Amino acid sequence: MKIRRPSFTDIFANILGICAIAAIAGGVIVAYLFFKHASQGDSDFWTQPANFSIIGEFLGGTVGSIWALAGVILFFLALIYQKHELVLQREELKESRKIMESQSTTIAIQQFENTFFQLLNFHINATNNIRDILQGSNGKSVNAFQAILKDFKKEVAALKKRMKADGGIALDDESFEACFRSVFEGYKNTFQHYLENYKSLVLLVEAKSHDPEFYFTILKSHFTEQEVLIQFYYTLLYAKDERLIKTTEKYNLFQKLNVRAISEIDSYHLQKIDKRAYTKDKQPESMEV
């Protein structure tokens, strides 16, 4: 156990306390000796009224001065202890503030995690529903991720063909955006809530998380290649939110992006986003779109 060494203030306060006690005791002793001496010297001393003024002058001038000094010392000592109490209260307030800040941080983390996992659960359920939400011509369920990507690929190919016939004009941002919006409008009811939830989830982690890398790792583990392809075009062609793009680049959210599948449509947009967003150690196999 660490022993606290007395400070200069503690030593000084102890000295003052001793001095105050000595002054009070000294006043009592002086008064006692005076009364004792007065009683022994003259047996009629206490019967003479004129002597009371002498007693008052002596007590006021000697004992009173000693006790006044003791009072000043005690007053000064009270100020020292009051200051010490204020210091202790200030330290207690600091500790209380630290505890409250810690509790606030804990509550904020709990609130964030509750919201995060609710949105993540919605994302997982929406993903599962989208995979089997459409009915094909044969009556079987069709993966909506594959369907929208195929339609987008066809729309871009048709646009390239028309532009080639018109003189070989290269595709630009507006052309790609028009193609994606044209296709997306047909699937809007299917993907609207899914993509809005995806955007909210990403921006929530970026803004509120105390450890974004950890939560984005959890999030990315639930993404499939098909989802990331939709997220890629949605981020660049539909949402066009600079904050969403920067977060995607910073935390490598398109880690599972199938670059070959993008190139089959057009590699134009790979140049529109920093490679940090989709760089990975192992290139995935080409996925039919």
C-alpha atoms as a PDB file:
ATOM      1  CA  MET A   1       0.000   0.000   0.000  1.00  0.00           C
ATOM      2  CA  LYS A   2       1.400   3.364  -1.000  1.00  0.00           C
ATOM      3  CA  ILE A   3       1.848   5.712   1.975  1.00  0.00           C
ATOM      4  CA  ARG A   4       0.940   9.314   1.295  1.00  0.00           C
ATOM      5  CA  ARG A   5       3.576  11.774   2.434  1.00  0.00           C
ATOM      6  CA  PRO A   6       2.245  14.816   4.319  1.00  0.00           C
ATOM      7  CA  SER A   7       2.393  17.974   2.258  1.00  0.00           C
ATOM      8  CA  PHE A   8       3.670  21.348   3.391  1.00  0.00           C
ATOM      9  CA  THR A   9       0.067  22.478   3.879  1.00  0.00           C
ATOM     10  CA  ASP A  10      -0.630  19.496   6.155  1.00  0.00           C
ATOM     11  CA  ILE A  11       2.457  20.211   8.269  1.00  0.00           C
ATOM     12  CA  PHE A  12       1.631  23.929   8.445  1.00  0.00           C
ATOM     13  CA  ALA A  13      -1.957  23.186   9.481  1.00  0.00           C
ATOM     14  CA  ASN A  14      -0.736  20.863  12.251  1.00  0.00           C
ATOM     15  CA  ILE A  15       1.623  23.555  13.539  1.00  0.00           C
ATOM     16  CA  LEU A  16      -1.192  26.116  13.532  1.00  0.00           C
ATOM     17  CA  GLY A  17      -3.432  23.688  15.399  1.00  0.00           C
ATOM     18  CA  ILE A  18      -0.768  23.170  18.067  1.00  0.00           C
ATOM     19  CA  CYS A  19      -0.284  26.944  18.354  1.00  0.00           C
ATOM     20  CA  ALA A  20      -4.033  27.504  18.762  1.00  0.00           C
ATOM     21  CA  ILE A  21      -4.287  24.845  21.467  1.00  0.00           C
ATOM     22  CA  ALA A  22      -1.228  26.320  23.214  1.00  0.00           C
ATOM     23  CA  ALA A  23      -2.716  29.849  23.049  1.00  0.00           C
ATOM     24  CA  ILE A  24      -6.023  28.687  24.541  1.00  0.00           C
ATOM     25  CA  ALA A  25      -4.249  26.691  27.237  1.00  0.00           C
ATOM     26  CA  GLY A  26      -1.896  29.614  27.890  1.00  0.00           C
ATOM     27  CA  GLY A  27      -4.839  31.974  28.399  1.00  0.00           C
ATOM     28  CA  VAL A  28      -6.430  29.557  30.847  1.00  0.00           C
ATOM     29  CA  ILE A  29      -3.149  29.148  32.759  1.00  0.00           C
ATOM     30  CA  VAL A  30      -2.529  32.905  32.945  1.00  0.00           C
ATOM     31  CA  ALA A  31      -6.076  33.501  34.195  1.00  0.00           C
ATOM     32  CA  TYR A  32      -5.718  30.715  36.765  1.00  0.00           C
ATOM     33  CA  LEU A  33      -2.395  32.052  38.074  1.00  0.00           C
ATOM     34  CA  PHE A  34      -3.805  35.558  38.243  1.00  0.00           C
ATOM     35  CA  PHE A  35      -6.835  34.523  40.281  1.00  0.00           C
ATOM     36  CA  LYS A  36      -4.742  32.302  42.516  1.00  0.00           C
ATOM     37  CA  HIS A  37      -2.215  35.048  43.196  1.00  0.00           C
ATOM     38  CA  ALA A  38      -4.965  37.613  43.783  1.00  0.00           C
ATOM     39  CA  SER A  39      -6.717  35.355  46.311  1.00  0.00           C
ATOM     40  CA  GLN A  40      -3.522  34.657  48.255  1.00  0.00           C
ATOM     41  CA  GLY A  41      -2.217  38.249  48.401  1.00  0.00           C
ATOM     42  CA  ASP A  42      -5.291  39.971  49.800  1.00  0.00           C
ATOM     43  CA  SER A  43      -8.224  38.165  51.430  1.00  0.00           C
ATOM     44  CA  ASP A  44     -10.453  41.225  50.882  1.00  0.00           C
ATOM     45  CA  PHE A  45      -9.542  41.488  47.200  1.00  0.00           C
ATOM     46  CA  TRP A  46     -12.838  40.043  45.953  1.00  0.00           C
ATOM     47  CA  THR A  47     -14.924  42.278  48.227  1.00  0.00           C
ATOM     48  CA  GLN A  48     -13.632  45.541  46.797  1.00  0.00           C
ATOM     49  CA  PRO A  49     -15.606  46.674  43.688  1.00  0.00           C
ATOM     50  CA  ALA A  50     -12.686  48.737  42.389  1.00  0.00           C
ATOM     51  CA  ASN A  51     -10.667  45.560  41.912  1.00  0.00           C
ATOM     52  CA  PHE A  52     -13.139  44.226  39.340  1.00  0.00           C
ATOM     53  CA  SER A  53     -11.986  46.868  36.873  1.00  0.00           C
ATOM     54  CA  ILE A  54      -8.406  45.660  37.402  1.00  0.00           C
ATOM     55  CA  ILE A  55      -9.519  42.097  36.782  1.00  0.00           C
ATOM     56  CA  GLY A  56     -11.335  43.159  33.597  1.00  0.00           C
ATOM     57  CA  GLU A  57      -8.392  45.133  32.282  1.00  0.00           C
ATOM     58  CA  PHE A  58      -6.011  42.251  32.961  1.00  0.00           C
ATOM     59  CA  LEU A  59      -8.229  39.610  31.436  1.00  0.00           C
ATOM     60  CA  GLY A  60      -9.028  41.820  28.426  1.00  0.00           C
ATOM     61  CA  GLY A  61      -5.451  42.950  27.898  1.00  0.00           C
ATOM     62  CA  THR A  62      -3.653  39.660  28.542  1.00  0.00           C
ATOM     63  CA  VAL A  63      -5.932  36.630  28.360  1.00  0.00           C
ATOM     64  CA  GLY A  64      -8.193  38.317  25.790  1.00  0.00           C
ATOM     65  CA  SER A  65      -5.238  39.071  23.503  1.00  0.00           C
ATOM     66  CA  ILE A  66      -3.956  35.501  23.819  1.00  0.00           C
ATOM     67  CA  TRP A  67      -7.387  34.083  23.018  1.00  0.00           C
ATOM     68  CA  ALA A  68      -7.853  36.585  20.178  1.00  0.00           C
ATOM     69  CA  LEU A  69      -4.623  35.263  18.688  1.00  0.00           C
ATOM     70  CA  ALA A  70      -5.969  31.730  19.127  1.00  0.00           C
ATOM     71  CA  GLY A  71      -9.171  32.815  17.361  1.00  0.00           C
ATOM     72  CA  VAL A  72      -7.204  34.233  14.427  1.00  0.00           C
ATOM     73  CA  ILE A  73      -5.191  31.015  14.203  1.00  0.00           C
ATOM     74  CA  LEU A  74      -8.353  28.899  14.325  1.00  0.00           C
ATOM     75  CA  PHE A  75     -10.007  31.077  11.651  1.00  0.00           C
ATOM     76  CA  PHE A  76      -6.973  30.713   9.384  1.00  0.00           C
ATOM     77  CA  LEU A  77      -6.921  26.992  10.106  1.00  0.00           C
ATOM     78  CA  ALA A  78     -10.593  26.767   9.139  1.00  0.00           C
ATOM     79  CA  LEU A  79      -9.796  28.460   5.829  1.00  0.00           C
ATOM     80  CA  ILE A  80      -7.039  25.910   5.165  1.00  0.00           C
ATOM     81  CA  TYR A  81      -9.349  22.969   5.870  1.00  0.00           C
ATOM     82  CA  GLN A  82     -12.127  24.567   3.817  1.00  0.00           C
ATOM     83  CA  LYS A  83      -9.734  24.913   0.899  1.00  0.00           C
ATOM     84  CA  HIS A  84      -8.715  21.294   1.380  1.00  0.00           C
ATOM     85  CA  GLU A  85     -12.370  20.247   1.325  1.00  0.00           C
ATOM     86  CA  LEU A  86     -12.930  22.211  -1.866  1.00  0.00           C
ATOM     87  CA  VAL A  87      -9.956  20.460  -3.466  1.00  0.00           C
ATOM     88  CA  LEU A  88     -11.391  17.077  -2.442  1.00  0.00           C
ATOM     89  CA  GLN A  89     -14.811  18.042  -3.799  1.00  0.00           C
ATOM     90  CA  ARG A  90     -13.232  19.145  -7.060  1.00  0.00           C
ATOM     91  CA  GLU A  91     -11.429  15.806  -7.338  1.00  0.00           C
ATOM     92  CA  GLU A  92     -14.669  13.967  -6.582  1.00  0.00           C
ATOM     93  CA  LEU A  93     -16.431  15.991  -9.291  1.00  0.00           C
ATOM     94  CA  LYS A  94     -13.676  15.072 -11.752  1.00  0.00           C
ATOM     95  CA  GLU A  95     -14.056  11.402 -10.864  1.00  0.00           C
ATOM     96  CA  SER A  96     -17.840  11.685 -11.152  1.00  0.00           C
ATOM     97  CA  ARG A  97     -17.445  13.371 -14.537  1.00  0.00           C
ATOM     98  CA  LYS A  98     -15.139  10.580 -15.711  1.00  0.00           C
ATOM     99  CA  ILE A  99     -17.656   7.983 -14.560  1.00  0.00           C
ATOM    100  CA  MET A 100     -20.498   9.830 -16.302  1.00  0.00           C
ATOM    101  CA  GLU A 101     -18.438  10.147 -19.486  1.00  0.00           C
ATOM    102  CA  SER A 102     -17.626   6.442 -19.326  1.00  0.00           C
ATOM    103  CA  GLN A 103     -21.297   5.621 -18.814  1.00  0.00           C
ATOM    104  CA  SER A 104     -22.274   7.941 -21.663  1.00  0.00           C
ATOM    105  CA  THR A 105     -19.738   6.246 -23.928  1.00  0.00           C
ATOM    106  CA  THR A 106     -21.067   2.822 -22.951  1.00  0.00           C
ATOM    107  CA  ILE A 107     -24.664   3.922 -23.571  1.00  0.00           C
ATOM    108  CA  ALA A 108     -23.687   5.429 -26.936  1.00  0.00           C
ATOM    109  CA  ILE A 109     -21.963   2.179 -27.955  1.00  0.00           C
ATOM    110  CA  GLN A 110     -25.001   0.145 -26.889  1.00  0.00           C
ATOM    111  CA  GLN A 111     -27.358   2.429 -28.802  1.00  0.00           C
ATOM    112  CA  PHE A 112     -25.132   2.266 -31.873  1.00  0.00           C
ATOM    113  CA  GLU A 113     -24.855  -1.528 -31.740  1.00  0.00           C
ATOM    114  CA  ASN A 114     -28.617  -1.912 -31.314  1.00  0.00           C
ATOM    115  CA  THR A 115     -29.215   0.248 -34.392  1.00  0.00           C
ATOM    116  CA  PHE A 116     -26.383  -1.406 -36.332  1.00  0.00           C
ATOM    117  CA  PHE A 117     -27.568  -4.969 -35.771  1.00  0.00           C
ATOM    118  CA  GLN A 118     -31.182  -4.032 -36.475  1.00  0.00           C
ATOM    119  CA  LEU A 119     -30.162  -2.547 -39.823  1.00  0.00           C
ATOM    120  CA  LEU A 120     -27.869  -5.499 -40.492  1.00  0.00           C
ATOM    121  CA  ASN A 121     -30.687  -7.935 -39.772  1.00  0.00           C
ATOM    122  CA  PHE A 122     -32.946  -5.983 -42.139  1.00  0.00           C
ATOM    123  CA  HIS A 123     -30.183  -6.076 -44.763  1.00  0.00           C
ATOM    124  CA  ILE A 124     -29.804  -9.863 -44.470  1.00  0.00           C
ATOM    125  CA  ASN A 125     -33.564 -10.437 -44.683  1.00  0.00           C
ATOM    126  CA  ALA A 126     -33.876  -8.059 -47.646  1.00  0.00           C
ATOM    127  CA  THR A 127     -30.998  -9.818 -49.429  1.00  0.00           C
ATOM    128  CA  ASN A 128     -32.581 -13.228 -48.947  1.00  0.00           C
ATOM    129  CA  ASN A 129     -35.930 -11.951 -50.228  1.00  0.00           C
ATOM    130  CA  ILE A 130     -34.393 -10.251 -53.284  1.00  0.00           C
ATOM    131  CA  ARG A 131     -32.612 -13.431 -54.356  1.00  0.00           C
ATOM    132  CA  ASP A 132     -35.949 -15.195 -54.890  1.00  0.00           C
ATOM    133  CA  ILE A 133     -38.422 -12.358 -55.327  1.00  0.00           C
ATOM    134  CA  LEU A 134     -39.012 -12.474 -59.096  1.00  0.00           C
ATOM    135  CA  GLN A 135     -40.846 -15.136 -61.087  1.00  0.00           C
ATOM    136  CA  GLY A 136     -39.301 -16.280 -64.344  1.00  0.00           C
ATOM    137  CA  SER A 137     -41.134 -17.307 -67.523  1.00  0.00           C
ATOM    138  CA  ASN A 138     -40.974 -20.935 -66.386  1.00  0.00           C
ATOM    139  CA  GLY A 139     -42.693 -20.075 -63.107  1.00  0.00           C
ATOM    140  CA  LYS A 140     -39.573 -20.537 -60.998  1.00  0.00           C
ATOM    141  CA  SER A 141     -38.015 -17.908 -58.744  1.00  0.00           C
ATOM    142  CA  VAL A 142     -35.349 -15.743 -60.341  1.00  0.00           C
ATOM    143  CA  ASN A 143     -32.425 -14.130 -58.523  1.00  0.00           C
ATOM    144  CA  ALA A 144     -33.222 -10.411 -58.786  1.00  0.00           C
ATOM    145  CA  PHE A 145     -29.540  -9.482 -58.432  1.00  0.00           C
ATOM    146  CA  GLN A 146     -28.702 -11.462 -61.552  1.00  0.00           C
ATOM    147  CA  ALA A 147     -31.772 -10.174 -63.375  1.00  0.00           C
ATOM    148  CA  ILE A 148     -31.045  -6.469 -62.905  1.00  0.00           C
ATOM    149  CA  LEU A 149     -27.375  -6.914 -63.810  1.00  0.00           C
ATOM    150  CA  LYS A 150     -28.259  -8.791 -67.003  1.00  0.00           C
ATOM    151  CA  ASP A 151     -30.746  -6.120 -67.986  1.00  0.00           C
ATOM    152  CA  PHE A 152     -28.207  -3.385 -67.260  1.00  0.00           C
ATOM    153  CA  LYS A 153     -25.585  -5.186 -69.333  1.00  0.00           C
ATOM    154  CA  LYS A 154     -28.044  -5.474 -72.236  1.00  0.00           C
ATOM    155  CA  GLU A 155     -29.025  -1.797 -71.934  1.00  0.00           C
ATOM    156  CA  VAL A 156     -25.366  -0.674 -72.054  1.00  0.00           C
ATOM    157  CA  ALA A 157     -24.649  -2.972 -75.017  1.00  0.00           C
ATOM    158  CA  ALA A 158     -27.669  -1.599 -76.905  1.00  0.00           C
ATOM    159  CA  LEU A 159     -26.583   1.975 -76.148  1.00  0.00           C
ATOM    160  CA  LYS A 160     -23.048   1.263 -77.372  1.00  0.00           C
ATOM    161  CA  LYS A 161     -24.499  -0.192 -80.561  1.00  0.00           C
ATOM    162  CA  ARG A 162     -26.638   2.901 -81.179  1.00  0.00           C
ATOM    163  CA  MET A 163     -23.726   5.238 -80.458  1.00  0.00           C
ATOM    164  CA  LYS A 164     -21.480   3.274 -82.799  1.00  0.00           C
ATOM    165  CA  ALA A 165     -24.079   3.596 -85.518  1.00  0.00           C
ATOM    166  CA  ASP A 166     -24.204   7.340 -84.853  1.00  0.00           C
ATOM    167  CA  GLY A 167     -20.460   7.835 -85.285  1.00  0.00           C
ATOM    168  CA  GLY A 168     -18.697   6.013 -82.467  1.00  0.00           C
ATOM    169  CA  ILE A 169     -19.312   8.468 -79.624  1.00  0.00           C
ATOM    170  CA  ALA A 170     -17.859   7.099 -76.356  1.00  0.00           C
ATOM    171  CA  LEU A 171     -20.042   6.461 -73.338  1.00  0.00           C
ATOM    172  CA  ASP A 172     -19.906   9.131 -70.630  1.00  0.00           C
ATOM    173  CA  ASP A 173     -21.302   9.623 -67.119  1.00  0.00           C
ATOM    174  CA  GLU A 174     -24.705  10.774 -68.328  1.00  0.00           C
ATOM    175  CA  SER A 175     -25.070   7.812 -70.691  1.00  0.00           C
ATOM    176  CA  PHE A 176     -24.213   5.280 -67.997  1.00  0.00           C
ATOM    177  CA  GLU A 177     -26.470   7.001 -65.491  1.00  0.00           C
ATOM    178  CA  ALA A 178     -29.360   7.019 -67.972  1.00  0.00           C
ATOM    179  CA  CYS A 179     -28.900   3.286 -68.625  1.00  0.00           C
ATOM    180  CA  PHE A 180     -28.773   2.382 -64.946  1.00  0.00           C
ATOM    181  CA  ARG A 181     -31.730   4.571 -64.008  1.00  0.00           C
ATOM    182  CA  SER A 182     -33.753   3.162 -66.876  1.00  0.00           C
ATOM    183  CA  VAL A 183     -33.155  -0.396 -65.664  1.00  0.00           C
ATOM    184  CA  PHE A 184     -33.338   0.451 -61.972  1.00  0.00           C
ATOM    185  CA  GLU A 185     -36.789   2.028 -62.322  1.00  0.00           C
ATOM    186  CA  GLY A 186     -38.130  -1.366 -63.367  1.00  0.00           C
ATOM    187  CA  TYR A 187     -36.692  -2.960 -60.199  1.00  0.00           C
ATOM    188  CA  LYS A 188     -37.178  -0.007 -57.879  1.00  0.00           C
ATOM    189  CA  ASN A 189     -39.827  -1.678 -55.723  1.00  0.00           C
ATOM    190  CA  THR A 190     -37.494  -4.635 -55.249  1.00  0.00           C
ATOM    191  CA  PHE A 191     -34.253  -2.789 -54.489  1.00  0.00           C
ATOM    192  CA  GLN A 192     -35.310   0.611 -53.102  1.00  0.00           C
ATOM    193  CA  HIS A 193     -35.408  -0.285 -49.397  1.00  0.00           C
ATOM    194  CA  TYR A 194     -32.437  -2.618 -49.679  1.00  0.00           C
ATOM    195  CA  LEU A 195     -30.147   0.053 -51.161  1.00  0.00           C
ATOM    196  CA  GLU A 196     -31.387   2.835 -48.880  1.00  0.00           C
ATOM    197  CA  ASN A 197     -30.752   0.576 -45.891  1.00  0.00           C
ATOM    198  CA  TYR A 198     -27.282  -0.228 -47.261  1.00  0.00           C
ATOM    199  CA  LYS A 199     -26.451   3.472 -47.503  1.00  0.00           C
ATOM    200  CA  SER A 200     -27.809   4.178 -43.996  1.00  0.00           C
ATOM    201  CA  LEU A 201     -25.840   1.266 -42.579  1.00  0.00           C
ATOM    202  CA  VAL A 202     -22.554   2.402 -44.128  1.00  0.00           C
ATOM    203  CA  LEU A 203     -22.950   6.031 -43.075  1.00  0.00           C
ATOM    204  CA  LEU A 204     -24.051   5.006 -39.568  1.00  0.00           C
ATOM    205  CA  VAL A 205     -20.872   2.983 -39.021  1.00  0.00           C
ATOM    206  CA  GLU A 206     -18.700   5.737 -40.470  1.00  0.00           C
ATOM    207  CA  ALA A 207     -20.278   8.464 -38.298  1.00  0.00           C
ATOM    208  CA  LYS A 208     -21.140   6.750 -35.011  1.00  0.00           C
ATOM    209  CA  SER A 209     -18.874   3.741 -34.599  1.00  0.00           C
ATOM    210  CA  HIS A 210     -15.932   3.833 -32.186  1.00  0.00           C
ATOM    211  CA  ASP A 211     -14.219   1.143 -34.302  1.00  0.00           C
ATOM    212  CA  PRO A 212     -15.380   1.381 -37.950  1.00  0.00           C
ATOM    213  CA  GLU A 213     -12.917  -1.251 -39.204  1.00  0.00           C
ATOM    214  CA  PHE A 214     -14.430  -3.879 -36.899  1.00  0.00           C
ATOM    215  CA  TYR A 215     -18.039  -3.191 -37.891  1.00  0.00           C
ATOM    216  CA  PHE A 216     -17.262  -2.860 -41.597  1.00  0.00           C
ATOM    217  CA  THR A 217     -15.535  -6.246 -41.429  1.00  0.00           C
ATOM    218  CA  ILE A 218     -18.776  -7.714 -40.053  1.00  0.00           C
ATOM    219  CA  LEU A 219     -20.756  -5.922 -42.741  1.00  0.00           C
ATOM    220  CA  LYS A 220     -18.534  -7.013 -45.638  1.00  0.00           C
ATOM    221  CA  SER A 221     -18.728 -10.638 -44.521  1.00  0.00           C
ATOM    222  CA  HIS A 222     -22.463 -10.598 -45.409  1.00  0.00           C
ATOM    223  CA  PHE A 223     -21.992  -9.149 -48.908  1.00  0.00           C
ATOM    224  CA  THR A 224     -22.022 -11.411 -51.964  1.00  0.00           C
ATOM    225  CA  GLU A 225     -20.370 -10.620 -55.314  1.00  0.00           C
ATOM    226  CA  GLN A 226     -23.748  -9.915 -56.883  1.00  0.00           C
ATOM    227  CA  GLU A 227     -24.674  -7.531 -54.089  1.00  0.00           C
ATOM    228  CA  VAL A 228     -21.376  -5.665 -54.401  1.00  0.00           C
ATOM    229  CA  LEU A 229     -21.921  -5.212 -58.149  1.00  0.00           C
ATOM    230  CA  ILE A 230     -25.308  -3.589 -57.477  1.00  0.00           C
ATOM    231  CA  GLN A 231     -23.818  -1.514 -54.662  1.00  0.00           C
ATOM    232  CA  PHE A 232     -21.010  -0.404 -56.996  1.00  0.00           C
ATOM    233  CA  TYR A 233     -23.328   0.971 -59.680  1.00  0.00           C
ATOM    234  CA  TYR A 234     -25.825   2.321 -57.149  1.00  0.00           C
ATOM    235  CA  THR A 235     -23.072   4.276 -55.366  1.00  0.00           C
ATOM    236  CA  LEU A 236     -21.599   5.769 -58.539  1.00  0.00           C
ATOM    237  CA  LEU A 237     -24.665   6.180 -60.774  1.00  0.00           C
ATOM    238  CA  TYR A 238     -27.675   6.629 -58.490  1.00  0.00           C
ATOM    239  CA  ALA A 239     -26.814   7.782 -54.960  1.00  0.00           C
ATOM    240  CA  LYS A 240     -23.773   9.827 -56.036  1.00  0.00           C
ATOM    241  CA  ASP A 241     -23.155  10.695 -52.382  1.00  0.00           C
ATOM    242  CA  GLU A 242     -19.591  11.953 -51.937  1.00  0.00           C
ATOM    243  CA  ARG A 243     -19.503  10.838 -48.321  1.00  0.00           C
ATOM    244  CA  LEU A 244     -20.659   7.345 -49.256  1.00  0.00           C
ATOM    245  CA  ILE A 245     -18.004   7.140 -51.974  1.00  0.00           C
ATOM    246  CA  LYS A 246     -15.218   8.291 -49.637  1.00  0.00           C
ATOM    247  CA  THR A 247     -16.277   5.803 -46.962  1.00  0.00           C
ATOM    248  CA  THR A 248     -16.365   3.023 -49.548  1.00  0.00           C
ATOM    249  CA  GLU A 249     -12.824   3.872 -50.652  1.00  0.00           C
ATOM    250  CA  LYS A 250     -11.455   4.258 -47.128  1.00  0.00           C
ATOM    251  CA  TYR A 251     -12.790   0.955 -45.787  1.00  0.00           C
ATOM    252  CA  ASN A 252     -12.487  -1.182 -48.919  1.00  0.00           C
ATOM    253  CA  LEU A 253     -16.240  -1.922 -49.015  1.00  0.00           C
ATOM    254  CA  PHE A 254     -16.086  -3.292 -52.584  1.00  0.00           C
ATOM    255  CA  GLN A 255     -13.529  -5.902 -51.561  1.00  0.00           C
ATOM    256  CA  LYS A 256     -15.619  -8.624 -53.223  1.00  0.00           C
ATOM    257  CA  LEU A 257     -16.149  -6.629 -56.408  1.00  0.00           C
ATOM    258  CA  ASN A 258     -15.840  -8.834 -59.492  1.00  0.00           C
ATOM    259  CA  VAL A 259     -13.712  -6.590 -61.701  1.00  0.00           C
ATOM    260  CA  ARG A 260     -14.101  -8.943 -64.669  1.00  0.00           C
ATOM    261  CA  ALA A 261     -17.878  -8.670 -64.468  1.00  0.00           C
ATOM    262  CA  ILE A 262     -17.559  -4.883 -64.458  1.00  0.00           C
ATOM    263  CA  SER A 263     -15.223  -5.042 -67.455  1.00  0.00           C
ATOM    264  CA  GLU A 264     -17.776  -7.145 -69.359  1.00  0.00           C
ATOM    265  CA  ILE A 265     -20.134  -4.179 -69.093  1.00  0.00           C
ATOM    266  CA  ASP A 266     -17.529  -1.421 -69.346  1.00  0.00           C
ATOM    267  CA  SER A 267     -14.406  -0.719 -67.299  1.00  0.00           C
ATOM    268  CA  TYR A 268     -15.143   3.005 -67.507  1.00  0.00           C
ATOM    269  CA  HIS A 269     -16.362   3.288 -63.929  1.00  0.00           C
ATOM    270  CA  LEU A 270     -13.425   1.486 -62.389  1.00  0.00           C
ATOM    271  CA  GLN A 271     -11.558   4.714 -63.114  1.00  0.00           C
ATOM    272  CA  LYS A 272     -14.219   6.750 -61.310  1.00  0.00           C
ATOM    273  CA  ILE A 273     -13.390   5.371 -57.873  1.00  0.00           C
ATOM    274  CA  ASP A 274     -10.150   4.900 -55.966  1.00  0.00           C
ATOM    275  CA  LYS A 275      -8.685   1.390 -56.219  1.00  0.00           C
ATOM    276  CA  ARG A 276      -8.683   1.174 -52.433  1.00  0.00           C
ATOM    277  CA  ALA A 277     -12.431   0.581 -52.652  1.00  0.00           C
ATOM    278  CA  TYR A 278     -12.089  -2.744 -54.491  1.00  0.00           C
ATOM    279  CA  THR A 279      -8.474  -3.910 -54.191  1.00  0.00           C
ATOM    280  CA  LYS A 280      -8.161  -7.443 -52.838  1.00  0.00           C
ATOM    281  CA  ASP A 281      -5.480 -10.091 -52.514  1.00  0.00           C
ATOM    282  CA  LYS A 282      -7.201 -12.698 -54.631  1.00  0.00           C
ATOM    283  CA  GLN A 283      -9.124 -11.941 -57.795  1.00  0.00           C
ATOM    284  CA  PRO A 284     -12.487 -13.764 -57.747  1.00  0.00           C
ATOM    285  CA  GLU A 285     -13.536 -15.975 -60.560  1.00  0.00           C
ATOM    286  CA  SER A 286     -15.603 -14.376 -63.301  1.00  0.00           C
ATOM    287  CA  MET A 287     -19.290 -14.446 -62.556  1.00  0.00           C
ATOM    288  CA  GLU A 288     -21.821 -14.611 -65.345  1.00  0.00           C
ATOM    289  CA  VAL A 289     -23.919 -11.475 -65.403  1.00  0.00           C
END
